[in-house]
Amino acid sequence: MALHIKRIYESKDDKDGLRILVDRLWPRGLSKQDAAVDIWVKDVAPSPALRRWFGHDPAKWTEFQQRYRDELEKNPSAVEELNRQIRQEDATLLYAAKDLQHNHAIVLQRFLGKD
């Protein structure tokens, strides 16, 4: 099954498959209806402390990736829950970050081996 990533603010597409929000916080200014989220898996998002430390600073990107992978490895139940969902059909990991090259969904997709 294919696993895609995209900003939640982008329009829903038939190719999205199962739409999974992987942010800890609900995206600002977006209604639940407009988001068209099928599942919200908060526990696979970076911890609040890691998110604040990173602050979407590209200079911290390499270190952020390692720290986030470490968090994911210490949280196997949340990762397994997500894996169960994406085994069934094509899916899209949704995130709210503005930076398309430096966000946790990229790391999560790679961690799951679906990039």
PDB file of N, CA and C in Angstrom:
ATOM      1  N   MET A   1       0.825  -1.184   0.000  1.00  0.00           N
ATOM      2  CA  MET A   1       0.000   0.000   0.000  1.00  0.00           C
ATOM      3  C   MET A   1       0.875   1.256   0.000  1.00  0.00           C
ATOM      4  N   ALA A   2       0.437   2.262  -0.724  1.00  0.00           N
ATOM      5  CA  ALA A   2       1.191   3.515  -0.830  1.00  0.00           C
ATOM      6  C   ALA A   2       0.906   4.401   0.390  1.00  0.00           C
ATOM      7  N   LEU A   3       1.938   5.094   0.833  1.00  0.00           N
ATOM      8  CA  LEU A   3       1.805   6.039   1.929  1.00  0.00           C
ATOM      9  C   LEU A   3       2.343   7.381   1.464  1.00  0.00           C
ATOM     10  N   HIS A   4       1.460   8.365   1.386  1.00  0.00           N
ATOM     11  CA  HIS A   4       1.804   9.705   0.925  1.00  0.00           C
ATOM     12  C   HIS A   4       1.837  10.650   2.118  1.00  0.00           C
ATOM     13  N   ILE A   5       2.390  11.832   1.908  1.00  0.00           N
ATOM     14  CA  ILE A   5       2.312  12.899   2.908  1.00  0.00           C
ATOM     15  C   ILE A   5       1.874  14.172   2.207  1.00  0.00           C
ATOM     16  N   LYS A   6       1.134  15.007   2.948  1.00  0.00           N
ATOM     17  CA  LYS A   6       0.750  16.314   2.406  1.00  0.00           C
ATOM     18  C   LYS A   6       0.241  17.201   3.519  1.00  0.00           C
ATOM     19  N   ARG A   7       0.279  18.494   3.249  1.00  0.00           N
ATOM     20  CA  ARG A   7      -0.258  19.459   4.213  1.00  0.00           C
ATOM     21  C   ARG A   7      -1.765  19.285   4.306  1.00  0.00           C
ATOM     22  N   ILE A   8      -2.264  19.386   5.480  1.00  0.00           N
ATOM     23  CA  ILE A   8      -3.694  19.212   5.694  1.00  0.00           C
ATOM     24  C   ILE A   8      -4.499  20.336   5.048  1.00  0.00           C
ATOM     25  N   TYR A   9      -3.863  21.451   4.774  1.00  0.00           N
ATOM     26  CA  TYR A   9      -4.554  22.580   4.156  1.00  0.00           C
ATOM     27  C   TYR A   9      -4.760  22.398   2.655  1.00  0.00           C
ATOM     28  N   GLU A  10      -4.131  21.382   2.066  1.00  0.00           N
ATOM     29  CA  GLU A  10      -4.346  21.075   0.659  1.00  0.00           C
ATOM     30  C   GLU A  10      -5.688  20.358   0.512  1.00  0.00           C
ATOM     31  N   SER A  11      -6.289  20.494  -0.652  1.00  0.00           N
ATOM     32  CA  SER A  11      -7.593  19.887  -0.892  1.00  0.00           C
ATOM     33  C   SER A  11      -7.522  18.371  -0.832  1.00  0.00           C
ATOM     34  N   LYS A  12      -8.615  17.798  -0.382  1.00  0.00           N
ATOM     35  CA  LYS A  12      -8.741  16.340  -0.368  1.00  0.00           C
ATOM     36  C   LYS A  12      -8.734  15.841  -1.810  1.00  0.00           C
ATOM     37  N   ASP A  13      -8.114  14.686  -2.010  1.00  0.00           N
ATOM     38  CA  ASP A  13      -7.986  14.095  -3.334  1.00  0.00           C
ATOM     39  C   ASP A  13      -8.361  12.622  -3.241  1.00  0.00           C
ATOM     40  N   ASP A  14      -8.918  12.078  -4.297  1.00  0.00           N
ATOM     41  CA  ASP A  14      -9.283  10.665  -4.302  1.00  0.00           C
ATOM     42  C   ASP A  14      -8.069   9.762  -4.090  1.00  0.00           C
ATOM     43  N   LYS A  15      -6.888  10.231  -4.482  1.00  0.00           N
ATOM     44  CA  LYS A  15      -5.664   9.444  -4.336  1.00  0.00           C
ATOM     45  C   LYS A  15      -5.168   9.389  -2.893  1.00  0.00           C
ATOM     46  N   ASP A  16      -5.738  10.218  -2.015  1.00  0.00           N
ATOM     47  CA  ASP A  16      -5.295  10.270  -0.620  1.00  0.00           C
ATOM     48  C   ASP A  16      -5.504   8.938   0.100  1.00  0.00           C
ATOM     49  N   GLY A  17      -6.553   8.250  -0.222  1.00  0.00           N
ATOM     50  CA  GLY A  17      -6.883   7.049   0.539  1.00  0.00           C
ATOM     51  C   GLY A  17      -7.291   7.449   1.948  1.00  0.00           C
ATOM     52  N   LEU A  18      -6.860   6.680   2.923  1.00  0.00           N
ATOM     53  CA  LEU A  18      -7.144   6.955   4.323  1.00  0.00           C
ATOM     54  C   LEU A  18      -6.365   8.200   4.744  1.00  0.00           C
ATOM     55  N   ARG A  19      -7.060   9.207   5.247  1.00  0.00           N
ATOM     56  CA  ARG A  19      -6.415  10.471   5.627  1.00  0.00           C
ATOM     57  C   ARG A  19      -6.155  10.458   7.131  1.00  0.00           C
ATOM     58  N   ILE A  20      -4.845  10.490   7.478  1.00  0.00           N
ATOM     59  CA  ILE A  20      -4.432  10.336   8.874  1.00  0.00           C
ATOM     60  C   ILE A  20      -3.695  11.585   9.328  1.00  0.00           C
ATOM     61  N   LEU A  21      -4.271  12.298  10.277  1.00  0.00           N
ATOM     62  CA  LEU A  21      -3.610  13.467  10.856  1.00  0.00           C
ATOM     63  C   LEU A  21      -2.578  12.980  11.867  1.00  0.00           C
ATOM     64  N   VAL A  22      -1.330  13.418  11.702  1.00  0.00           N
ATOM     65  CA  VAL A  22      -0.249  12.973  12.577  1.00  0.00           C
ATOM     66  C   VAL A  22       0.365  14.128  13.372  1.00  0.00           C
ATOM     67  N   ASP A  23      -0.409  15.165  13.619  1.00  0.00           N
ATOM     68  CA  ASP A  23       0.002  16.276  14.473  1.00  0.00           C
ATOM     69  C   ASP A  23      -0.611  16.091  15.856  1.00  0.00           C
ATOM     70  N   ARG A  24       0.075  16.604  16.863  1.00  0.00           N
ATOM     71  CA  ARG A  24      -0.431  16.510  18.227  1.00  0.00           C
ATOM     72  C   ARG A  24      -1.546  17.534  18.470  1.00  0.00           C
ATOM     73  N   LEU A  25      -1.471  18.672  17.759  1.00  0.00           N
ATOM     74  CA  LEU A  25      -2.464  19.734  17.910  1.00  0.00           C
ATOM     75  C   LEU A  25      -3.326  19.823  16.653  1.00  0.00           C
ATOM     76  N   TRP A  26      -4.580  20.199  16.833  1.00  0.00           N
ATOM     77  CA  TRP A  26      -5.454  20.378  15.679  1.00  0.00           C
ATOM     78  C   TRP A  26      -4.975  21.589  14.876  1.00  0.00           C
ATOM     79  N   PRO A  27      -4.953  21.503  13.544  1.00  0.00           N
ATOM     80  CA  PRO A  27      -4.485  22.613  12.703  1.00  0.00           C
ATOM     81  C   PRO A  27      -5.344  23.874  12.874  1.00  0.00           C
ATOM     82  N   ARG A  28      -4.674  24.996  12.971  1.00  0.00           N
ATOM     83  CA  ARG A  28      -5.369  26.276  13.172  1.00  0.00           C
ATOM     84  C   ARG A  28      -6.237  26.642  11.975  1.00  0.00           C
ATOM     85  N   GLY A  29      -7.402  27.163  12.289  1.00  0.00           N
ATOM     86  CA  GLY A  29      -8.278  27.716  11.266  1.00  0.00           C
ATOM     87  C   GLY A  29      -8.928  26.703  10.350  1.00  0.00           C
ATOM     88  N   LEU A  30      -8.938  25.455  10.723  1.00  0.00           N
ATOM     89  CA  LEU A  30      -9.483  24.413   9.859  1.00  0.00           C
ATOM     90  C   LEU A  30     -10.564  23.648  10.604  1.00  0.00           C
ATOM     91  N   SER A  31     -11.753  23.609  10.011  1.00  0.00           N
ATOM     92  CA  SER A  31     -12.837  22.863  10.649  1.00  0.00           C
ATOM     93  C   SER A  31     -12.623  21.368  10.434  1.00  0.00           C
ATOM     94  N   LYS A  32     -13.217  20.574  11.280  1.00  0.00           N
ATOM     95  CA  LYS A  32     -13.093  19.116  11.132  1.00  0.00           C
ATOM     96  C   LYS A  32     -13.708  18.649   9.818  1.00  0.00           C
ATOM     97  N   GLN A  33     -14.763  19.297   9.401  1.00  0.00           N
ATOM     98  CA  GLN A  33     -15.389  18.922   8.131  1.00  0.00           C
ATOM     99  C   GLN A  33     -14.458  19.233   6.951  1.00  0.00           C
ATOM    100  N   ASP A  34     -13.862  20.416   6.949  1.00  0.00           N
ATOM    101  CA  ASP A  34     -12.960  20.799   5.857  1.00  0.00           C
ATOM    102  C   ASP A  34     -11.690  19.946   5.836  1.00  0.00           C
ATOM    103  N   ALA A  35     -11.246  19.500   7.004  1.00  0.00           N
ATOM    104  CA  ALA A  35     -10.023  18.699   7.092  1.00  0.00           C
ATOM    105  C   ALA A  35     -10.226  17.305   6.510  1.00  0.00           C
ATOM    106  N   ALA A  36     -11.425  16.787   6.603  1.00  0.00           N
ATOM    107  CA  ALA A  36     -11.744  15.452   6.081  1.00  0.00           C
ATOM    108  C   ALA A  36     -10.755  14.401   6.580  1.00  0.00           C
ATOM    109  N   VAL A  37     -10.497  14.421   7.889  1.00  0.00           N
ATOM    110  CA  VAL A  37      -9.577  13.470   8.510  1.00  0.00           C
ATOM    111  C   VAL A  37     -10.343  12.200   8.861  1.00  0.00           C
ATOM    112  N   ASP A  38      -9.781  11.063   8.494  1.00  0.00           N
ATOM    113  CA  ASP A  38     -10.392   9.784   8.855  1.00  0.00           C
ATOM    114  C   ASP A  38      -9.940   9.332  10.239  1.00  0.00           C
ATOM    115  N   ILE A  39      -8.659   9.547  10.530  1.00  0.00           N
ATOM    116  CA  ILE A  39      -8.085   9.118  11.810  1.00  0.00           C
ATOM    117  C   ILE A  39      -7.103  10.185  12.276  1.00  0.00           C
ATOM    118  N   TRP A  40      -7.089  10.427  13.583  1.00  0.00           N
ATOM    119  CA  TRP A  40      -6.128  11.353  14.171  1.00  0.00           C
ATOM    120  C   TRP A  40      -5.257  10.553  15.131  1.00  0.00           C
ATOM    121  N   VAL A  41      -3.992  10.372  14.794  1.00  0.00           N
ATOM    122  CA  VAL A  41      -3.066   9.596  15.618  1.00  0.00           C
ATOM    123  C   VAL A  41      -2.070  10.568  16.252  1.00  0.00           C
ATOM    124  N   LYS A  42      -2.474  11.179  17.359  1.00  0.00           N
ATOM    125  CA  LYS A  42      -1.675  12.204  18.027  1.00  0.00           C
ATOM    126  C   LYS A  42      -0.363  11.655  18.576  1.00  0.00           C
ATOM    127  N   ASP A  43      -0.390  10.410  19.041  1.00  0.00           N
ATOM    128  CA  ASP A  43       0.745   9.862  19.765  1.00  0.00           C
ATOM    129  C   ASP A  43       1.980   9.582  18.922  1.00  0.00           C
ATOM    130  N   VAL A  44       1.877   9.674  17.598  1.00  0.00           N
ATOM    131  CA  VAL A  44       3.075   9.500  16.766  1.00  0.00           C
ATOM    132  C   VAL A  44       3.724  10.847  16.441  1.00  0.00           C
ATOM    133  N   ALA A  45       3.121  11.921  16.856  1.00  0.00           N
ATOM    134  CA  ALA A  45       3.698  13.250  16.624  1.00  0.00           C
ATOM    135  C   ALA A  45       4.877  13.465  17.575  1.00  0.00           C
ATOM    136  N   PRO A  46       5.788  14.354  17.225  1.00  0.00           N
ATOM    137  CA  PRO A  46       6.891  14.672  18.147  1.00  0.00           C
ATOM    138  C   PRO A  46       6.349  15.189  19.474  1.00  0.00           C
ATOM    139  N   SER A  47       7.080  14.920  20.525  1.00  0.00           N
ATOM    140  CA  SER A  47       6.675  15.418  21.842  1.00  0.00           C
ATOM    141  C   SER A  47       6.643  16.947  21.818  1.00  0.00           C
ATOM    142  N   PRO A  48       5.855  17.546  22.703  1.00  0.00           N
ATOM    143  CA  PRO A  48       5.845  19.012  22.758  1.00  0.00           C
ATOM    144  C   PRO A  48       7.240  19.601  22.975  1.00  0.00           C
ATOM    145  N   ALA A  49       8.042  18.971  23.806  1.00  0.00           N
ATOM    146  CA  ALA A  49       9.392  19.485  24.063  1.00  0.00           C
ATOM    147  C   ALA A  49      10.249  19.439  22.796  1.00  0.00           C
ATOM    148  N   LEU A  50      10.168  18.354  22.048  1.00  0.00           N
ATOM    149  CA  LEU A  50      10.949  18.241  20.815  1.00  0.00           C
ATOM    150  C   LEU A  50      10.449  19.232  19.770  1.00  0.00           C
ATOM    151  N   ARG A  51       9.145  19.381  19.674  1.00  0.00           N
ATOM    152  CA  ARG A  51       8.565  20.317  18.703  1.00  0.00           C
ATOM    153  C   ARG A  51       9.019  21.746  19.006  1.00  0.00           C
ATOM    154  N   ARG A  52       8.990  22.122  20.282  1.00  0.00           N
ATOM    155  CA  ARG A  52       9.433  23.471  20.657  1.00  0.00           C
ATOM    156  C   ARG A  52      10.926  23.649  20.392  1.00  0.00           C
ATOM    157  N   TRP A  53      11.731  22.636  20.726  1.00  0.00           N
ATOM    158  CA  TRP A  53      13.179  22.722  20.497  1.00  0.00           C
ATOM    159  C   TRP A  53      13.471  22.915  19.006  1.00  0.00           C
ATOM    160  N   PHE A  54      12.832  22.133  18.153  1.00  0.00           N
ATOM    161  CA  PHE A  54      13.079  22.194  16.719  1.00  0.00           C
ATOM    162  C   PHE A  54      12.635  23.538  16.146  1.00  0.00           C
ATOM    163  N   GLY A  55      11.427  23.954  16.438  1.00  0.00           N
ATOM    164  CA  GLY A  55      10.913  25.233  15.957  1.00  0.00           C
ATOM    165  C   GLY A  55      10.981  25.391  14.454  1.00  0.00           C
ATOM    166  N   HIS A  56      11.001  24.291  13.722  1.00  0.00           N
ATOM    167  CA  HIS A  56      11.086  24.277  12.251  1.00  0.00           C
ATOM    168  C   HIS A  56      12.312  25.045  11.744  1.00  0.00           C
ATOM    169  N   ASP A  57      13.396  24.938  12.510  1.00  0.00           N
ATOM    170  CA  ASP A  57      14.666  25.559  12.138  1.00  0.00           C
ATOM    171  C   ASP A  57      15.452  24.571  11.274  1.00  0.00           C
ATOM    172  N   PRO A  58      15.636  24.854   9.979  1.00  0.00           N
ATOM    173  CA  PRO A  58      16.366  23.923   9.110  1.00  0.00           C
ATOM    174  C   PRO A  58      17.770  23.579   9.613  1.00  0.00           C
ATOM    175  N   ALA A  59      18.385  24.462  10.376  1.00  0.00           N
ATOM    176  CA  ALA A  59      19.718  24.191  10.914  1.00  0.00           C
ATOM    177  C   ALA A  59      19.695  23.046  11.925  1.00  0.00           C
ATOM    178  N   LYS A  60      18.533  22.771  12.502  1.00  0.00           N
ATOM    179  CA  LYS A  60      18.385  21.693  13.488  1.00  0.00           C
ATOM    180  C   LYS A  60      17.803  20.416  12.870  1.00  0.00           C
ATOM    181  N   TRP A  61      17.600  20.409  11.566  1.00  0.00           N
ATOM    182  CA  TRP A  61      16.902  19.318  10.890  1.00  0.00           C
ATOM    183  C   TRP A  61      17.543  17.946  11.122  1.00  0.00           C
ATOM    184  N   THR A  62      18.835  17.845  10.951  1.00  0.00           N
ATOM    185  CA  THR A  62      19.513  16.550  11.101  1.00  0.00           C
ATOM    186  C   THR A  62      19.331  16.020  12.521  1.00  0.00           C
ATOM    187  N   GLU A  63      19.560  16.856  13.497  1.00  0.00           N
ATOM    188  CA  GLU A  63      19.405  16.440  14.900  1.00  0.00           C
ATOM    189  C   GLU A  63      17.941  16.136  15.216  1.00  0.00           C
ATOM    190  N   PHE A  64      17.025  16.934  14.686  1.00  0.00           N
ATOM    191  CA  PHE A  64      15.597  16.684  14.912  1.00  0.00           C
ATOM    192  C   PHE A  64      15.209  15.297  14.426  1.00  0.00           C
ATOM    193  N   GLN A  65      15.667  14.925  13.227  1.00  0.00           N
ATOM    194  CA  GLN A  65      15.317  13.618  12.677  1.00  0.00           C
ATOM    195  C   GLN A  65      15.737  12.491  13.622  1.00  0.00           C
ATOM    196  N   GLN A  66      16.947  12.576  14.139  1.00  0.00           N
ATOM    197  CA  GLN A  66      17.434  11.535  15.039  1.00  0.00           C
ATOM    198  C   GLN A  66      16.630  11.507  16.335  1.00  0.00           C
ATOM    199  N   ARG A  67      16.386  12.676  16.916  1.00  0.00           N
ATOM    200  CA  ARG A  67      15.620  12.738  18.172  1.00  0.00           C
ATOM    201  C   ARG A  67      14.200  12.217  17.977  1.00  0.00           C
ATOM    202  N   TYR A  68      13.597  12.561  16.859  1.00  0.00           N
ATOM    203  CA  TYR A  68      12.227  12.107  16.600  1.00  0.00           C
ATOM    204  C   TYR A  68      12.186  10.594  16.378  1.00  0.00           C
ATOM    205  N   ARG A  69      13.144  10.055  15.632  1.00  0.00           N
ATOM    206  CA  ARG A  69      13.212   8.594  15.451  1.00  0.00           C
ATOM    207  C   ARG A  69      13.392   7.898  16.800  1.00  0.00           C
ATOM    208  N   ASP A  70      14.198   8.488  17.675  1.00  0.00           N
ATOM    209  CA  ASP A  70      14.372   7.930  19.019  1.00  0.00           C
ATOM    210  C   ASP A  70      13.039   7.904  19.771  1.00  0.00           C
ATOM    211  N   GLU A  71      12.270   8.983  19.653  1.00  0.00           N
ATOM    212  CA  GLU A  71      10.952   9.011  20.298  1.00  0.00           C
ATOM    213  C   GLU A  71      10.033   7.933  19.723  1.00  0.00           C
ATOM    214  N   LEU A  72      10.057   7.779  18.418  1.00  0.00           N
ATOM    215  CA  LEU A  72       9.201   6.768  17.785  1.00  0.00           C
ATOM    216  C   LEU A  72       9.583   5.360  18.240  1.00  0.00           C
ATOM    217  N   GLU A  73      10.869   5.088  18.360  1.00  0.00           N
ATOM    218  CA  GLU A  73      11.326   3.778  18.809  1.00  0.00           C
ATOM    219  C   GLU A  73      10.902   3.488  20.244  1.00  0.00           C
ATOM    220  N   LYS A  74      10.749   4.530  21.037  1.00  0.00           N
ATOM    221  CA  LYS A  74      10.329   4.365  22.434  1.00  0.00           C
ATOM    222  C   LYS A  74       8.808   4.330  22.575  1.00  0.00           C
ATOM    223  N   ASN A  75       8.100   4.423  21.463  1.00  0.00           N
ATOM    224  CA  ASN A  75       6.640   4.444  21.488  1.00  0.00           C
ATOM    225  C   ASN A  75       6.079   3.401  20.508  1.00  0.00           C
ATOM    226  N   PRO A  76       6.422   2.139  20.692  1.00  0.00           N
ATOM    227  CA  PRO A  76       6.020   1.127  19.709  1.00  0.00           C
ATOM    228  C   PRO A  76       4.513   0.932  19.581  1.00  0.00           C
ATOM    229  N   SER A  77       3.756   1.165  20.644  1.00  0.00           N
ATOM    230  CA  SER A  77       2.307   0.949  20.542  1.00  0.00           C
ATOM    231  C   SER A  77       1.656   1.950  19.591  1.00  0.00           C
ATOM    232  N   ALA A  78       2.075   3.201  19.632  1.00  0.00           N
ATOM    233  CA  ALA A  78       1.507   4.200  18.725  1.00  0.00           C
ATOM    234  C   ALA A  78       1.928   3.925  17.283  1.00  0.00           C
ATOM    235  N   VAL A  79       3.181   3.528  17.090  1.00  0.00           N
ATOM    236  CA  VAL A  79       3.663   3.217  15.747  1.00  0.00           C
ATOM    237  C   VAL A  79       2.923   2.003  15.195  1.00  0.00           C
ATOM    238  N   GLU A  80       2.711   0.999  16.039  1.00  0.00           N
ATOM    239  CA  GLU A  80       1.992  -0.192  15.588  1.00  0.00           C
ATOM    240  C   GLU A  80       0.539   0.139  15.239  1.00  0.00           C
ATOM    241  N   GLU A  81      -0.090   1.016  16.020  1.00  0.00           N
ATOM    242  CA  GLU A  81      -1.464   1.437  15.703  1.00  0.00           C
ATOM    243  C   GLU A  81      -1.505   2.064  14.315  1.00  0.00           C
ATOM    244  N   LEU A  82      -0.547   2.926  14.032  1.00  0.00           N
ATOM    245  CA  LEU A  82      -0.486   3.560  12.718  1.00  0.00           C
ATOM    246  C   LEU A  82      -0.212   2.523  11.630  1.00  0.00           C
ATOM    247  N   ASN A  83       0.704   1.614  11.871  1.00  0.00           N
ATOM    248  CA  ASN A  83       1.002   0.562  10.899  1.00  0.00           C
ATOM    249  C   ASN A  83      -0.222  -0.292  10.586  1.00  0.00           C
ATOM    250  N   ARG A  84      -1.018  -0.603  11.587  1.00  0.00           N
ATOM    251  CA  ARG A  84      -2.250  -1.379  11.359  1.00  0.00           C
ATOM    252  C   ARG A  84      -3.186  -0.649  10.406  1.00  0.00           C
ATOM    253  N   GLN A  85      -3.269   0.640  10.560  1.00  0.00           N
ATOM    254  CA  GLN A  85      -4.162   1.433   9.715  1.00  0.00           C
ATOM    255  C   GLN A  85      -3.676   1.477   8.272  1.00  0.00           C
ATOM    256  N   ILE A  86      -2.375   1.643   8.077  1.00  0.00           N
ATOM    257  CA  ILE A  86      -1.867   1.838   6.720  1.00  0.00           C
ATOM    258  C   ILE A  86      -1.655   0.530   5.972  1.00  0.00           C
ATOM    259  N   ARG A  87      -1.751  -0.590   6.652  1.00  0.00           N
ATOM    260  CA  ARG A  87      -1.640  -1.886   5.965  1.00  0.00           C
ATOM    261  C   ARG A  87      -2.867  -2.192   5.124  1.00  0.00           C
ATOM    262  N   GLN A  88      -3.968  -1.584   5.448  1.00  0.00           N
ATOM    263  CA  GLN A  88      -5.241  -1.918   4.834  1.00  0.00           C
ATOM    264  C   GLN A  88      -5.458  -1.292   3.461  1.00  0.00           C
ATOM    265  N   GLU A  89      -4.942  -0.092   3.271  1.00  0.00           N
ATOM    266  CA  GLU A  89      -5.211   0.644   2.033  1.00  0.00           C
ATOM    267  C   GLU A  89      -4.196   1.768   1.853  1.00  0.00           C
ATOM    268  N   ASP A  90      -4.231   2.417   0.699  1.00  0.00           N
ATOM    269  CA  ASP A  90      -3.406   3.606   0.504  1.00  0.00           C
ATOM    270  C   ASP A  90      -3.773   4.628   1.569  1.00  0.00           C
ATOM    271  N   ALA A  91      -2.792   5.404   1.993  1.00  0.00           N
ATOM    272  CA  ALA A  91      -3.042   6.377   3.057  1.00  0.00           C
ATOM    273  C   ALA A  91      -2.178   7.614   2.834  1.00  0.00           C
ATOM    274  N   THR A  92      -2.605   8.699   3.473  1.00  0.00           N
ATOM    275  CA  THR A  92      -1.858   9.955   3.425  1.00  0.00           C
ATOM    276  C   THR A  92      -1.696  10.471   4.845  1.00  0.00           C
ATOM    277  N   LEU A  93      -0.443  10.736   5.218  1.00  0.00           N
ATOM    278  CA  LEU A  93      -0.141  11.357   6.506  1.00  0.00           C
ATOM    279  C   LEU A  93      -0.303  12.862   6.335  1.00  0.00           C
ATOM    280  N   LEU A  94      -1.141  13.454   7.142  1.00  0.00           N
ATOM    281  CA  LEU A  94      -1.436  14.884   7.050  1.00  0.00           C
ATOM    282  C   LEU A  94      -0.732  15.637   8.171  1.00  0.00           C
ATOM    283  N   TYR A  95      -0.162  16.777   7.830  1.00  0.00           N
ATOM    284  CA  TYR A  95       0.542  17.613   8.803  1.00  0.00           C
ATOM    285  C   TYR A  95       0.224  19.074   8.490  1.00  0.00           C
ATOM    286  N   ALA A  96       0.426  19.951   9.474  1.00  0.00           N
ATOM    287  CA  ALA A  96       0.095  21.360   9.295  1.00  0.00           C
ATOM    288  C   ALA A  96       1.302  22.251   9.023  1.00  0.00           C
ATOM    289  N   ALA A  97       2.497  21.781   9.241  1.00  0.00           N
ATOM    290  CA  ALA A  97       3.703  22.613   9.093  1.00  0.00           C
ATOM    291  C   ALA A  97       3.772  23.260   7.714  1.00  0.00           C
ATOM    292  N   LYS A  98       4.274  24.496   7.683  1.00  0.00           N
ATOM    293  CA  LYS A  98       4.414  25.225   6.417  1.00  0.00           C
ATOM    294  C   LYS A  98       5.602  24.744   5.598  1.00  0.00           C
ATOM    295  N   ASP A  99       6.642  24.273   6.277  1.00  0.00           N
ATOM    296  CA  ASP A  99       7.868  23.859   5.608  1.00  0.00           C
ATOM    297  C   ASP A  99       7.681  22.463   5.007  1.00  0.00           C
ATOM    298  N   LEU A 100       7.740  22.381   3.693  1.00  0.00           N
ATOM    299  CA  LEU A 100       7.502  21.117   2.998  1.00  0.00           C
ATOM    300  C   LEU A 100       8.710  20.187   3.021  1.00  0.00           C
ATOM    301  N   GLN A 101       9.890  20.710   3.316  1.00  0.00           N
ATOM    302  CA  GLN A 101      11.105  19.896   3.317  1.00  0.00           C
ATOM    303  C   GLN A 101      11.596  19.511   4.715  1.00  0.00           C
ATOM    304  N   HIS A 102      11.111  20.206   5.733  1.00  0.00           N
ATOM    305  CA  HIS A 102      11.589  19.980   7.100  1.00  0.00           C
ATOM    306  C   HIS A 102      10.399  19.838   8.040  1.00  0.00           C
ATOM    307  N   ASN A 103       9.760  18.682   8.002  1.00  0.00           N
ATOM    308  CA  ASN A 103       8.628  18.440   8.901  1.00  0.00           C
ATOM    309  C   ASN A 103       8.619  16.988   9.342  1.00  0.00           C
ATOM    310  N   HIS A 104       7.940  16.726  10.437  1.00  0.00           N
ATOM    311  CA  HIS A 104       7.976  15.395  11.038  1.00  0.00           C
ATOM    312  C   HIS A 104       7.310  14.318  10.180  1.00  0.00           C
ATOM    313  N   ALA A 105       6.385  14.683   9.310  1.00  0.00           N
ATOM    314  CA  ALA A 105       5.723  13.674   8.468  1.00  0.00           C
ATOM    315  C   ALA A 105       6.725  12.996   7.531  1.00  0.00           C
ATOM    316  N   ILE A 106       7.722  13.736   7.072  1.00  0.00           N
ATOM    317  CA  ILE A 106       8.771  13.156   6.230  1.00  0.00           C
ATOM    318  C   ILE A 106       9.535  12.086   7.012  1.00  0.00           C
ATOM    319  N   VAL A 107       9.898  12.426   8.234  1.00  0.00           N
ATOM    320  CA  VAL A 107      10.637  11.493   9.083  1.00  0.00           C
ATOM    321  C   VAL A 107       9.780  10.276   9.392  1.00  0.00           C
ATOM    322  N   LEU A 108       8.519  10.499   9.692  1.00  0.00           N
ATOM    323  CA  LEU A 108       7.609   9.404  10.019  1.00  0.00           C
ATOM    324  C   LEU A 108       7.423   8.466   8.828  1.00  0.00           C
ATOM    325  N   GLN A 109       7.247   9.015   7.654  1.00  0.00           N
ATOM    326  CA  GLN A 109       7.103   8.194   6.447  1.00  0.00           C
ATOM    327  C   GLN A 109       8.344   7.321   6.251  1.00  0.00           C
ATOM    328  N   ARG A 110       9.514   7.900   6.400  1.00  0.00           N
ATOM    329  CA  ARG A 110      10.767   7.138   6.255  1.00  0.00           C
ATOM    330  C   ARG A 110      10.894   6.093   7.350  1.00  0.00           C
ATOM    331  N   PHE A 111      10.522   6.453   8.568  1.00  0.00           N
ATOM    332  CA  PHE A 111      10.595   5.528   9.701  1.00  0.00           C
ATOM    333  C   PHE A 111       9.738   4.293   9.443  1.00  0.00           C
ATOM    334  N   LEU A 112       8.591   4.518   8.840  1.00  0.00           N
ATOM    335  CA  LEU A 112       7.676   3.419   8.531  1.00  0.00           C
ATOM    336  C   LEU A 112       8.128   2.629   7.300  1.00  0.00           C
ATOM    337  N   GLY A 113       9.183   3.123   6.653  1.00  0.00           N
ATOM    338  CA  GLY A 113       9.717   2.442   5.478  1.00  0.00           C
ATOM    339  C   GLY A 113       8.852   2.571   4.259  1.00  0.00           C
ATOM    340  N   LYS A 114       8.113   3.674   4.155  1.00  0.00           N
ATOM    341  CA  LYS A 114       7.159   3.853   3.074  1.00  0.00           C
ATOM    342  C   LYS A 114       7.499   5.023   2.167  1.00  0.00           C
ATOM    343  N   ASP A 115       8.746   5.501   2.191  1.00  0.00           N
ATOM    344  CA  ASP A 115       9.075   6.658   1.337  1.00  0.00           C
ATOM    345  C   ASP A 115       9.509   6.234  -0.033  1.00  0.00           C
TER     346      ASP A 115
END
